[in-house]
Amino acid sequence: MGVKLLQYDQDLKSALSLLINVDLGDSRWDQASLPVWAGGLGIRSAVMLAPSAFLASAAGTAALVSQILPDSFTVLPDPLVSLALNQ
């Protein structure tokens, strides 16, 4: 995963810690990352969401991309899609 996503998650953790005035260790951060229905705060990790967000974007724009690009490009598979699927 990208360094920027890891930094974003760390900044989010630090900001939440300052906001609620609680030191968030790893186990507390894991619980805060849970959905609200599961007893967490619903704070989602960018590292965990990145592959599914990328795949949703790729799937949502596939038809438009195939219309815009010449036929010779549309048959080429996107290697990043297979990378995201394997994570």
PDB file of N, CA and C in Angstrom:
ATOM      1  N   MET A   1       0.841  -1.177   0.000  1.00  0.00           N
ATOM      2  CA  MET A   1       0.000   0.000   0.000  1.00  0.00           C
ATOM      3  C   MET A   1       0.881   1.233   0.000  1.00  0.00           C
ATOM      4  N   GLY A   2       0.328   2.297  -0.483  1.00  0.00           N
ATOM      5  CA  GLY A   2       1.097   3.516  -0.600  1.00  0.00           C
ATOM      6  C   GLY A   2       1.437   4.141   0.731  1.00  0.00           C
ATOM      7  N   VAL A   3       2.572   4.809   0.748  1.00  0.00           N
ATOM      8  CA  VAL A   3       3.033   5.483   1.963  1.00  0.00           C
ATOM      9  C   VAL A   3       2.059   6.591   2.354  1.00  0.00           C
ATOM     10  N   LYS A   4       1.464   7.249   1.362  1.00  0.00           N
ATOM     11  CA  LYS A   4       0.528   8.338   1.668  1.00  0.00           C
ATOM     12  C   LYS A   4      -0.719   7.821   2.375  1.00  0.00           C
ATOM     13  N   LEU A   5      -1.194   6.634   2.003  1.00  0.00           N
ATOM     14  CA  LEU A   5      -2.348   6.065   2.694  1.00  0.00           C
ATOM     15  C   LEU A   5      -2.008   5.721   4.135  1.00  0.00           C
ATOM     16  N   LEU A   6      -0.841   5.166   4.343  1.00  0.00           N
ATOM     17  CA  LEU A   6      -0.411   4.853   5.712  1.00  0.00           C
ATOM     18  C   LEU A   6      -0.270   6.126   6.542  1.00  0.00           C
ATOM     19  N   GLN A   7       0.270   7.182   5.942  1.00  0.00           N
ATOM     20  CA  GLN A   7       0.407   8.457   6.650  1.00  0.00           C
ATOM     21  C   GLN A   7      -0.960   9.054   6.954  1.00  0.00           C
ATOM     22  N   TYR A   8      -1.884   8.938   5.990  1.00  0.00           N
ATOM     23  CA  TYR A   8      -3.243   9.442   6.214  1.00  0.00           C
ATOM     24  C   TYR A   8      -3.894   8.718   7.392  1.00  0.00           C
ATOM     25  N   ASP A   9      -3.768   7.392   7.426  1.00  0.00           N
ATOM     26  CA  ASP A   9      -4.335   6.634   8.536  1.00  0.00           C
ATOM     27  C   ASP A   9      -3.712   7.042   9.868  1.00  0.00           C
ATOM     28  N   GLN A  10      -2.408   7.270   9.882  1.00  0.00           N
ATOM     29  CA  GLN A  10      -1.737   7.695  11.110  1.00  0.00           C
ATOM     30  C   GLN A  10      -2.216   9.077  11.539  1.00  0.00           C
ATOM     31  N   ASP A  11      -2.370   9.986  10.578  1.00  0.00           N
ATOM     32  CA  ASP A  11      -2.879  11.324  10.893  1.00  0.00           C
ATOM     33  C   ASP A  11      -4.315  11.265  11.404  1.00  0.00           C
ATOM     34  N   LEU A  12      -5.124  10.399  10.808  1.00  0.00           N
ATOM     35  CA  LEU A  12      -6.506  10.230  11.259  1.00  0.00           C
ATOM     36  C   LEU A  12      -6.542   9.702  12.689  1.00  0.00           C
ATOM     37  N   LYS A  13      -5.692   8.737  12.973  1.00  0.00           N
ATOM     38  CA  LYS A  13      -5.606   8.175  14.325  1.00  0.00           C
ATOM     39  C   LYS A  13      -5.175   9.241  15.328  1.00  0.00           C
ATOM     40  N   SER A  14      -4.187  10.051  14.963  1.00  0.00           N
ATOM     41  CA  SER A  14      -3.713  11.120  15.855  1.00  0.00           C
ATOM     42  C   SER A  14      -4.785  12.173  16.090  1.00  0.00           C
ATOM     43  N   ALA A  15      -5.495  12.550  15.024  1.00  0.00           N
ATOM     44  CA  ALA A  15      -6.551  13.557  15.153  1.00  0.00           C
ATOM     45  C   ALA A  15      -7.683  13.042  16.040  1.00  0.00           C
ATOM     46  N   LEU A  16      -8.070  11.790  15.848  1.00  0.00           N
ATOM     47  CA  LEU A  16      -9.129  11.217  16.687  1.00  0.00           C
ATOM     48  C   LEU A  16      -8.674  11.147  18.141  1.00  0.00           C
ATOM     49  N   SER A  17      -7.436  10.786  18.357  1.00  0.00           N
ATOM     50  CA  SER A  17      -6.895  10.706  19.709  1.00  0.00           C
ATOM     51  C   SER A  17      -6.940  12.075  20.393  1.00  0.00           C
ATOM     52  N   LEU A  18      -6.578  13.118  19.653  1.00  0.00           N
ATOM     53  CA  LEU A  18      -6.648  14.474  20.212  1.00  0.00           C
ATOM     54  C   LEU A  18      -8.090  14.909  20.448  1.00  0.00           C
ATOM     55  N   LEU A  19      -8.973  14.559  19.549  1.00  0.00           N
ATOM     56  CA  LEU A  19     -10.369  14.976  19.637  1.00  0.00           C
ATOM     57  C   LEU A  19     -11.077  14.370  20.843  1.00  0.00           C
ATOM     58  N   ILE A  20     -10.857  13.085  21.056  1.00  0.00           N
ATOM     59  CA  ILE A  20     -11.550  12.423  22.172  1.00  0.00           C
ATOM     60  C   ILE A  20     -10.701  12.349  23.432  1.00  0.00           C
ATOM     61  N   ASN A  21      -9.467  12.849  23.356  1.00  0.00           N
ATOM     62  CA  ASN A  21      -8.556  12.904  24.490  1.00  0.00           C
ATOM     63  C   ASN A  21      -8.302  11.524  25.099  1.00  0.00           C
ATOM     64  N   VAL A  22      -8.059  10.562  24.204  1.00  0.00           N
ATOM     65  CA  VAL A  22      -7.760   9.187  24.618  1.00  0.00           C
ATOM     66  C   VAL A  22      -6.588   8.702  23.789  1.00  0.00           C
ATOM     67  N   ASP A  23      -5.609   8.095  24.469  1.00  0.00           N
ATOM     68  CA  ASP A  23      -4.491   7.506  23.741  1.00  0.00           C
ATOM     69  C   ASP A  23      -4.973   6.241  23.043  1.00  0.00           C
ATOM     70  N   LEU A  24      -4.890   6.232  21.723  1.00  0.00           N
ATOM     71  CA  LEU A  24      -5.374   5.091  20.948  1.00  0.00           C
ATOM     72  C   LEU A  24      -4.231   4.149  20.622  1.00  0.00           C
ATOM     73  N   GLY A  25      -4.122   3.088  21.403  1.00  0.00           N
ATOM     74  CA  GLY A  25      -3.171   2.034  21.074  1.00  0.00           C
ATOM     75  C   GLY A  25      -3.732   1.206  19.926  1.00  0.00           C
ATOM     76  N   ASP A  26      -3.008   0.188  19.535  1.00  0.00           N
ATOM     77  CA  ASP A  26      -3.434  -0.623  18.391  1.00  0.00           C
ATOM     78  C   ASP A  26      -4.788  -1.290  18.621  1.00  0.00           C
ATOM     79  N   SER A  27      -5.005  -1.842  19.796  1.00  0.00           N
ATOM     80  CA  SER A  27      -6.279  -2.533  20.053  1.00  0.00           C
ATOM     81  C   SER A  27      -7.442  -1.536  20.099  1.00  0.00           C
ATOM     82  N   ARG A  28      -7.214  -0.357  20.659  1.00  0.00           N
ATOM     83  CA  ARG A  28      -8.268   0.664  20.685  1.00  0.00           C
ATOM     84  C   ARG A  28      -8.549   1.198  19.290  1.00  0.00           C
ATOM     85  N   TRP A  29      -7.510   1.345  18.485  1.00  0.00           N
ATOM     86  CA  TRP A  29      -7.698   1.802  17.111  1.00  0.00           C
ATOM     87  C   TRP A  29      -8.460   0.750  16.298  1.00  0.00           C
ATOM     88  N   ASP A  30      -8.141  -0.517  16.531  1.00  0.00           N
ATOM     89  CA  ASP A  30      -8.875  -1.583  15.852  1.00  0.00           C
ATOM     90  C   ASP A  30     -10.357  -1.533  16.191  1.00  0.00           C
ATOM     91  N   GLN A  31     -10.664  -1.267  17.464  1.00  0.00           N
ATOM     92  CA  GLN A  31     -12.075  -1.191  17.861  1.00  0.00           C
ATOM     93  C   GLN A  31     -12.730   0.059  17.282  1.00  0.00           C
ATOM     94  N   ALA A  32     -12.027   1.182  17.261  1.00  0.00           N
ATOM     95  CA  ALA A  32     -12.588   2.405  16.683  1.00  0.00           C
ATOM     96  C   ALA A  32     -12.844   2.230  15.194  1.00  0.00           C
ATOM     97  N   SER A  33     -12.076   1.366  14.536  1.00  0.00           N
ATOM     98  CA  SER A  33     -12.230   1.134  13.105  1.00  0.00           C
ATOM     99  C   SER A  33     -13.413   0.232  12.773  1.00  0.00           C
ATOM    100  N   LEU A  34     -13.993  -0.398  13.770  1.00  0.00           N
ATOM    101  CA  LEU A  34     -15.153  -1.252  13.521  1.00  0.00           C
ATOM    102  C   LEU A  34     -16.354  -0.403  13.129  1.00  0.00           C
ATOM    103  N   PRO A  35     -17.290  -0.982  12.379  1.00  0.00           N
ATOM    104  CA  PRO A  35     -18.529  -0.251  12.085  1.00  0.00           C
ATOM    105  C   PRO A  35     -19.308   0.021  13.376  1.00  0.00           C
ATOM    106  N   VAL A  36     -20.180   1.010  13.342  1.00  0.00           N
ATOM    107  CA  VAL A  36     -20.950   1.384  14.525  1.00  0.00           C
ATOM    108  C   VAL A  36     -21.794   0.208  15.006  1.00  0.00           C
ATOM    109  N   TRP A  37     -22.397  -0.534  14.081  1.00  0.00           N
ATOM    110  CA  TRP A  37     -23.251  -1.660  14.479  1.00  0.00           C
ATOM    111  C   TRP A  37     -22.458  -2.742  15.212  1.00  0.00           C
ATOM    112  N   ALA A  38     -21.128  -2.763  15.043  1.00  0.00           N
ATOM    113  CA  ALA A  38     -20.293  -3.772  15.706  1.00  0.00           C
ATOM    114  C   ALA A  38     -19.618  -3.220  16.958  1.00  0.00           C
ATOM    115  N   GLY A  39     -20.028  -2.032  17.411  1.00  0.00           N
ATOM    116  CA  GLY A  39     -19.482  -1.472  18.632  1.00  0.00           C
ATOM    117  C   GLY A  39     -18.323  -0.523  18.433  1.00  0.00           C
ATOM    118  N   GLY A  40     -18.014  -0.161  17.198  1.00  0.00           N
ATOM    119  CA  GLY A  40     -16.920   0.764  16.924  1.00  0.00           C
ATOM    120  C   GLY A  40     -17.422   2.165  16.669  1.00  0.00           C
ATOM    121  N   LEU A  41     -16.507   3.024  16.271  1.00  0.00           N
ATOM    122  CA  LEU A  41     -16.851   4.409  15.951  1.00  0.00           C
ATOM    123  C   LEU A  41     -17.093   4.619  14.465  1.00  0.00           C
ATOM    124  N   GLY A  42     -16.838   3.607  13.669  1.00  0.00           N
ATOM    125  CA  GLY A  42     -17.063   3.722  12.227  1.00  0.00           C
ATOM    126  C   GLY A  42     -15.976   4.481  11.504  1.00  0.00           C
ATOM    127  N   ILE A  43     -14.814   4.654  12.138  1.00  0.00           N
ATOM    128  CA  ILE A  43     -13.678   5.325  11.500  1.00  0.00           C
ATOM    129  C   ILE A  43     -13.022   4.308  10.573  1.00  0.00           C
ATOM    130  N   ARG A  44     -13.064   4.550   9.286  1.00  0.00           N
ATOM    131  CA  ARG A  44     -12.569   3.576   8.322  1.00  0.00           C
ATOM    132  C   ARG A  44     -11.128   3.882   7.924  1.00  0.00           C
ATOM    133  N   SER A  45     -10.349   2.849   7.757  1.00  0.00           N
ATOM    134  CA  SER A  45      -8.955   2.965   7.371  1.00  0.00           C
ATOM    135  C   SER A  45      -8.840   3.125   5.866  1.00  0.00           C
ATOM    136  N   ALA A  46      -8.082   4.103   5.425  1.00  0.00           N
ATOM    137  CA  ALA A  46      -7.870   4.312   3.994  1.00  0.00           C
ATOM    138  C   ALA A  46      -7.137   3.135   3.366  1.00  0.00           C
ATOM    139  N   VAL A  47      -6.241   2.525   4.110  1.00  0.00           N
ATOM    140  CA  VAL A  47      -5.492   1.368   3.611  1.00  0.00           C
ATOM    141  C   VAL A  47      -6.444   0.205   3.347  1.00  0.00           C
ATOM    142  N   MET A  48      -7.410   0.013   4.221  1.00  0.00           N
ATOM    143  CA  MET A  48      -8.354  -1.091   4.052  1.00  0.00           C
ATOM    144  C   MET A  48      -9.375  -0.812   2.951  1.00  0.00           C
ATOM    145  N   LEU A  49      -9.733   0.447   2.746  1.00  0.00           N
ATOM    146  CA  LEU A  49     -10.757   0.790   1.757  1.00  0.00           C
ATOM    147  C   LEU A  49     -10.209   0.986   0.348  1.00  0.00           C
ATOM    148  N   ALA A  50      -8.924   1.223   0.210  1.00  0.00           N
ATOM    149  CA  ALA A  50      -8.353   1.574  -1.091  1.00  0.00           C
ATOM    150  C   ALA A  50      -8.595   0.522  -2.176  1.00  0.00           C
ATOM    151  N   PRO A  51      -8.347  -0.770  -1.936  1.00  0.00           N
ATOM    152  CA  PRO A  51      -8.568  -1.738  -3.026  1.00  0.00           C
ATOM    153  C   PRO A  51     -10.017  -1.803  -3.491  1.00  0.00           C
ATOM    154  N   SER A  52     -10.974  -1.806  -2.566  1.00  0.00           N
ATOM    155  CA  SER A  52     -12.378  -1.885  -2.979  1.00  0.00           C
ATOM    156  C   SER A  52     -12.830  -0.595  -3.654  1.00  0.00           C
ATOM    157  N   ALA A  53     -12.326   0.544  -3.206  1.00  0.00           N
ATOM    158  CA  ALA A  53     -12.676   1.810  -3.859  1.00  0.00           C
ATOM    159  C   ALA A  53     -12.116   1.862  -5.276  1.00  0.00           C
ATOM    160  N   PHE A  54     -10.898   1.370  -5.449  1.00  0.00           N
ATOM    161  CA  PHE A  54     -10.305   1.341  -6.785  1.00  0.00           C
ATOM    162  C   PHE A  54     -11.083   0.413  -7.712  1.00  0.00           C
ATOM    163  N   LEU A  55     -11.438  -0.778  -7.215  1.00  0.00           N
ATOM    164  CA  LEU A  55     -12.177  -1.731  -8.036  1.00  0.00           C
ATOM    165  C   LEU A  55     -13.560  -1.196  -8.407  1.00  0.00           C
ATOM    166  N   ALA A  56     -14.223  -0.522  -7.484  1.00  0.00           N
ATOM    167  CA  ALA A  56     -15.528   0.067  -7.781  1.00  0.00           C
ATOM    168  C   ALA A  56     -15.396   1.155  -8.838  1.00  0.00           C
ATOM    169  N   SER A  57     -14.356   1.948  -8.735  1.00  0.00           N
ATOM    170  CA  SER A  57     -14.118   3.000  -9.725  1.00  0.00           C
ATOM    171  C   SER A  57     -13.805   2.409 -11.092  1.00  0.00           C
ATOM    172  N   ALA A  58     -12.973   1.375 -11.112  1.00  0.00           N
ATOM    173  CA  ALA A  58     -12.618   0.729 -12.382  1.00  0.00           C
ATOM    174  C   ALA A  58     -13.831   0.083 -13.026  1.00  0.00           C
ATOM    175  N   ALA A  59     -14.659  -0.568 -12.236  1.00  0.00           N
ATOM    176  CA  ALA A  59     -15.856  -1.211 -12.772  1.00  0.00           C
ATOM    177  C   ALA A  59     -16.873  -0.178 -13.243  1.00  0.00           C
ATOM    178  N   GLY A  60     -17.002   0.907 -12.500  1.00  0.00           N
ATOM    179  CA  GLY A  60     -17.974   1.940 -12.852  1.00  0.00           C
ATOM    180  C   GLY A  60     -17.628   2.723 -14.102  1.00  0.00           C
ATOM    181  N   THR A  61     -16.356   2.778 -14.424  1.00  0.00           N
ATOM    182  CA  THR A  61     -15.935   3.558 -15.589  1.00  0.00           C
ATOM    183  C   THR A  61     -15.518   2.694 -16.770  1.00  0.00           C
ATOM    184  N   ALA A  62     -15.606   1.374 -16.641  1.00  0.00           N
ATOM    185  CA  ALA A  62     -15.130   0.469 -17.696  1.00  0.00           C
ATOM    186  C   ALA A  62     -15.829   0.720 -19.026  1.00  0.00           C
ATOM    187  N   ALA A  63     -17.140   0.900 -19.010  1.00  0.00           N
ATOM    188  CA  ALA A  63     -17.871   1.121 -20.261  1.00  0.00           C
ATOM    189  C   ALA A  63     -17.450   2.439 -20.915  1.00  0.00           C
ATOM    190  N   LEU A  64     -17.304   3.483 -20.122  1.00  0.00           N
ATOM    191  CA  LEU A  64     -16.890   4.774 -20.664  1.00  0.00           C
ATOM    192  C   LEU A  64     -15.477   4.716 -21.214  1.00  0.00           C
ATOM    193  N   VAL A  65     -14.589   4.052 -20.520  1.00  0.00           N
ATOM    194  CA  VAL A  65     -13.206   3.916 -20.977  1.00  0.00           C
ATOM    195  C   VAL A  65     -13.159   3.161 -22.301  1.00  0.00           C
ATOM    196  N   SER A  66     -13.972   2.123 -22.427  1.00  0.00           N
ATOM    197  CA  SER A  66     -13.965   1.347 -23.676  1.00  0.00           C
ATOM    198  C   SER A  66     -14.533   2.161 -24.835  1.00  0.00           C
ATOM    199  N   GLN A  67     -15.414   3.119 -24.552  1.00  0.00           N
ATOM    200  CA  GLN A  67     -15.942   3.997 -25.604  1.00  0.00           C
ATOM    201  C   GLN A  67     -14.925   5.054 -26.021  1.00  0.00           C
ATOM    202  N   ILE A  68     -14.150   5.531 -25.068  1.00  0.00           N
ATOM    203  CA  ILE A  68     -13.202   6.614 -25.348  1.00  0.00           C
ATOM    204  C   ILE A  68     -11.944   6.104 -26.045  1.00  0.00           C
ATOM    205  N   LEU A  69     -11.406   4.980 -25.565  1.00  0.00           N
ATOM    206  CA  LEU A  69     -10.145   4.474 -26.097  1.00  0.00           C
ATOM    207  C   LEU A  69     -10.356   3.715 -27.402  1.00  0.00           C
ATOM    208  N   PRO A  70      -9.347   3.706 -28.256  1.00  0.00           N
ATOM    209  CA  PRO A  70      -9.435   2.887 -29.467  1.00  0.00           C
ATOM    210  C   PRO A  70      -9.536   1.402 -29.119  1.00  0.00           C
ATOM    211  N   ASP A  71     -10.051   0.611 -30.044  1.00  0.00           N
ATOM    212  CA  ASP A  71     -10.249  -0.819 -29.799  1.00  0.00           C
ATOM    213  C   ASP A  71      -8.968  -1.539 -29.414  1.00  0.00           C
ATOM    214  N   SER A  72      -7.839  -1.083 -29.931  1.00  0.00           N
ATOM    215  CA  SER A  72      -6.578  -1.759 -29.620  1.00  0.00           C
ATOM    216  C   SER A  72      -6.202  -1.631 -28.140  1.00  0.00           C
ATOM    217  N   PHE A  73      -6.696  -0.617 -27.452  1.00  0.00           N
ATOM    218  CA  PHE A  73      -6.395  -0.434 -26.031  1.00  0.00           C
ATOM    219  C   PHE A  73      -7.389  -1.147 -25.126  1.00  0.00           C
ATOM    220  N   THR A  74      -8.604  -1.339 -25.579  1.00  0.00           N
ATOM    221  CA  THR A  74      -9.629  -1.893 -24.693  1.00  0.00           C
ATOM    222  C   THR A  74      -9.416  -3.372 -24.405  1.00  0.00           C
ATOM    223  N   VAL A  75      -8.650  -4.068 -25.219  1.00  0.00           N
ATOM    224  CA  VAL A  75      -8.424  -5.496 -24.966  1.00  0.00           C
ATOM    225  C   VAL A  75      -7.291  -5.726 -23.965  1.00  0.00           C
ATOM    226  N   LEU A  76      -6.543  -4.697 -23.647  1.00  0.00           N
ATOM    227  CA  LEU A  76      -5.444  -4.837 -22.694  1.00  0.00           C
ATOM    228  C   LEU A  76      -5.996  -4.853 -21.266  1.00  0.00           C
ATOM    229  N   PRO A  77      -5.666  -5.874 -20.491  1.00  0.00           N
ATOM    230  CA  PRO A  77      -6.145  -5.901 -19.101  1.00  0.00           C
ATOM    231  C   PRO A  77      -5.361  -4.899 -18.248  1.00  0.00           C
ATOM    232  N   ASP A  78      -6.030  -4.358 -17.271  1.00  0.00           N
ATOM    233  CA  ASP A  78      -5.384  -3.421 -16.349  1.00  0.00           C
ATOM    234  C   ASP A  78      -4.688  -4.230 -15.262  1.00  0.00           C
ATOM    235  N   PRO A  79      -3.353  -4.169 -15.181  1.00  0.00           N
ATOM    236  CA  PRO A  79      -2.650  -4.973 -14.174  1.00  0.00           C
ATOM    237  C   PRO A  79      -2.982  -4.546 -12.743  1.00  0.00           C
ATOM    238  N   LEU A  80      -3.403  -3.307 -12.551  1.00  0.00           N
ATOM    239  CA  LEU A  80      -3.736  -2.854 -11.200  1.00  0.00           C
ATOM    240  C   LEU A  80      -5.024  -3.488 -10.694  1.00  0.00           C
ATOM    241  N   VAL A  81      -5.926  -3.833 -11.605  1.00  0.00           N
ATOM    242  CA  VAL A  81      -7.163  -4.497 -11.192  1.00  0.00           C
ATOM    243  C   VAL A  81      -6.845  -5.875 -10.621  1.00  0.00           C
ATOM    244  N   SER A  82      -5.998  -6.622 -11.310  1.00  0.00           N
ATOM    245  CA  SER A  82      -5.646  -7.950 -10.800  1.00  0.00           C
ATOM    246  C   SER A  82      -4.854  -7.830  -9.487  1.00  0.00           C
ATOM    247  N   LEU A  83      -4.034  -6.802  -9.360  1.00  0.00           N
ATOM    248  CA  LEU A  83      -3.306  -6.592  -8.105  1.00  0.00           C
ATOM    249  C   LEU A  83      -4.273  -6.310  -6.958  1.00  0.00           C
ATOM    250  N   ALA A  84      -5.265  -5.448  -7.210  1.00  0.00           N
ATOM    251  CA  ALA A  84      -6.247  -5.124  -6.160  1.00  0.00           C
ATOM    252  C   ALA A  84      -7.104  -6.328  -5.813  1.00  0.00           C
ATOM    253  N   LEU A  85      -7.434  -7.152  -6.798  1.00  0.00           N
ATOM    254  CA  LEU A  85      -8.239  -8.340  -6.534  1.00  0.00           C
ATOM    255  C   LEU A  85      -7.490  -9.356  -5.691  1.00  0.00           C
ATOM    256  N   ASN A  86      -6.177  -9.383  -5.800  1.00  0.00           N
ATOM    257  CA  ASN A  86      -5.373 -10.359  -5.065  1.00  0.00           C
ATOM    258  C   ASN A  86      -5.053  -9.929  -3.641  1.00  0.00           C
ATOM    259  N   GLN A  87      -5.420  -8.738  -3.243  1.00  0.00           N
ATOM    260  CA  GLN A  87      -5.105  -8.274  -1.892  1.00  0.00           C
ATOM    261  C   GLN A  87      -6.146  -8.692  -0.905  1.00  0.00           C
TER     262      GLN A  87
END
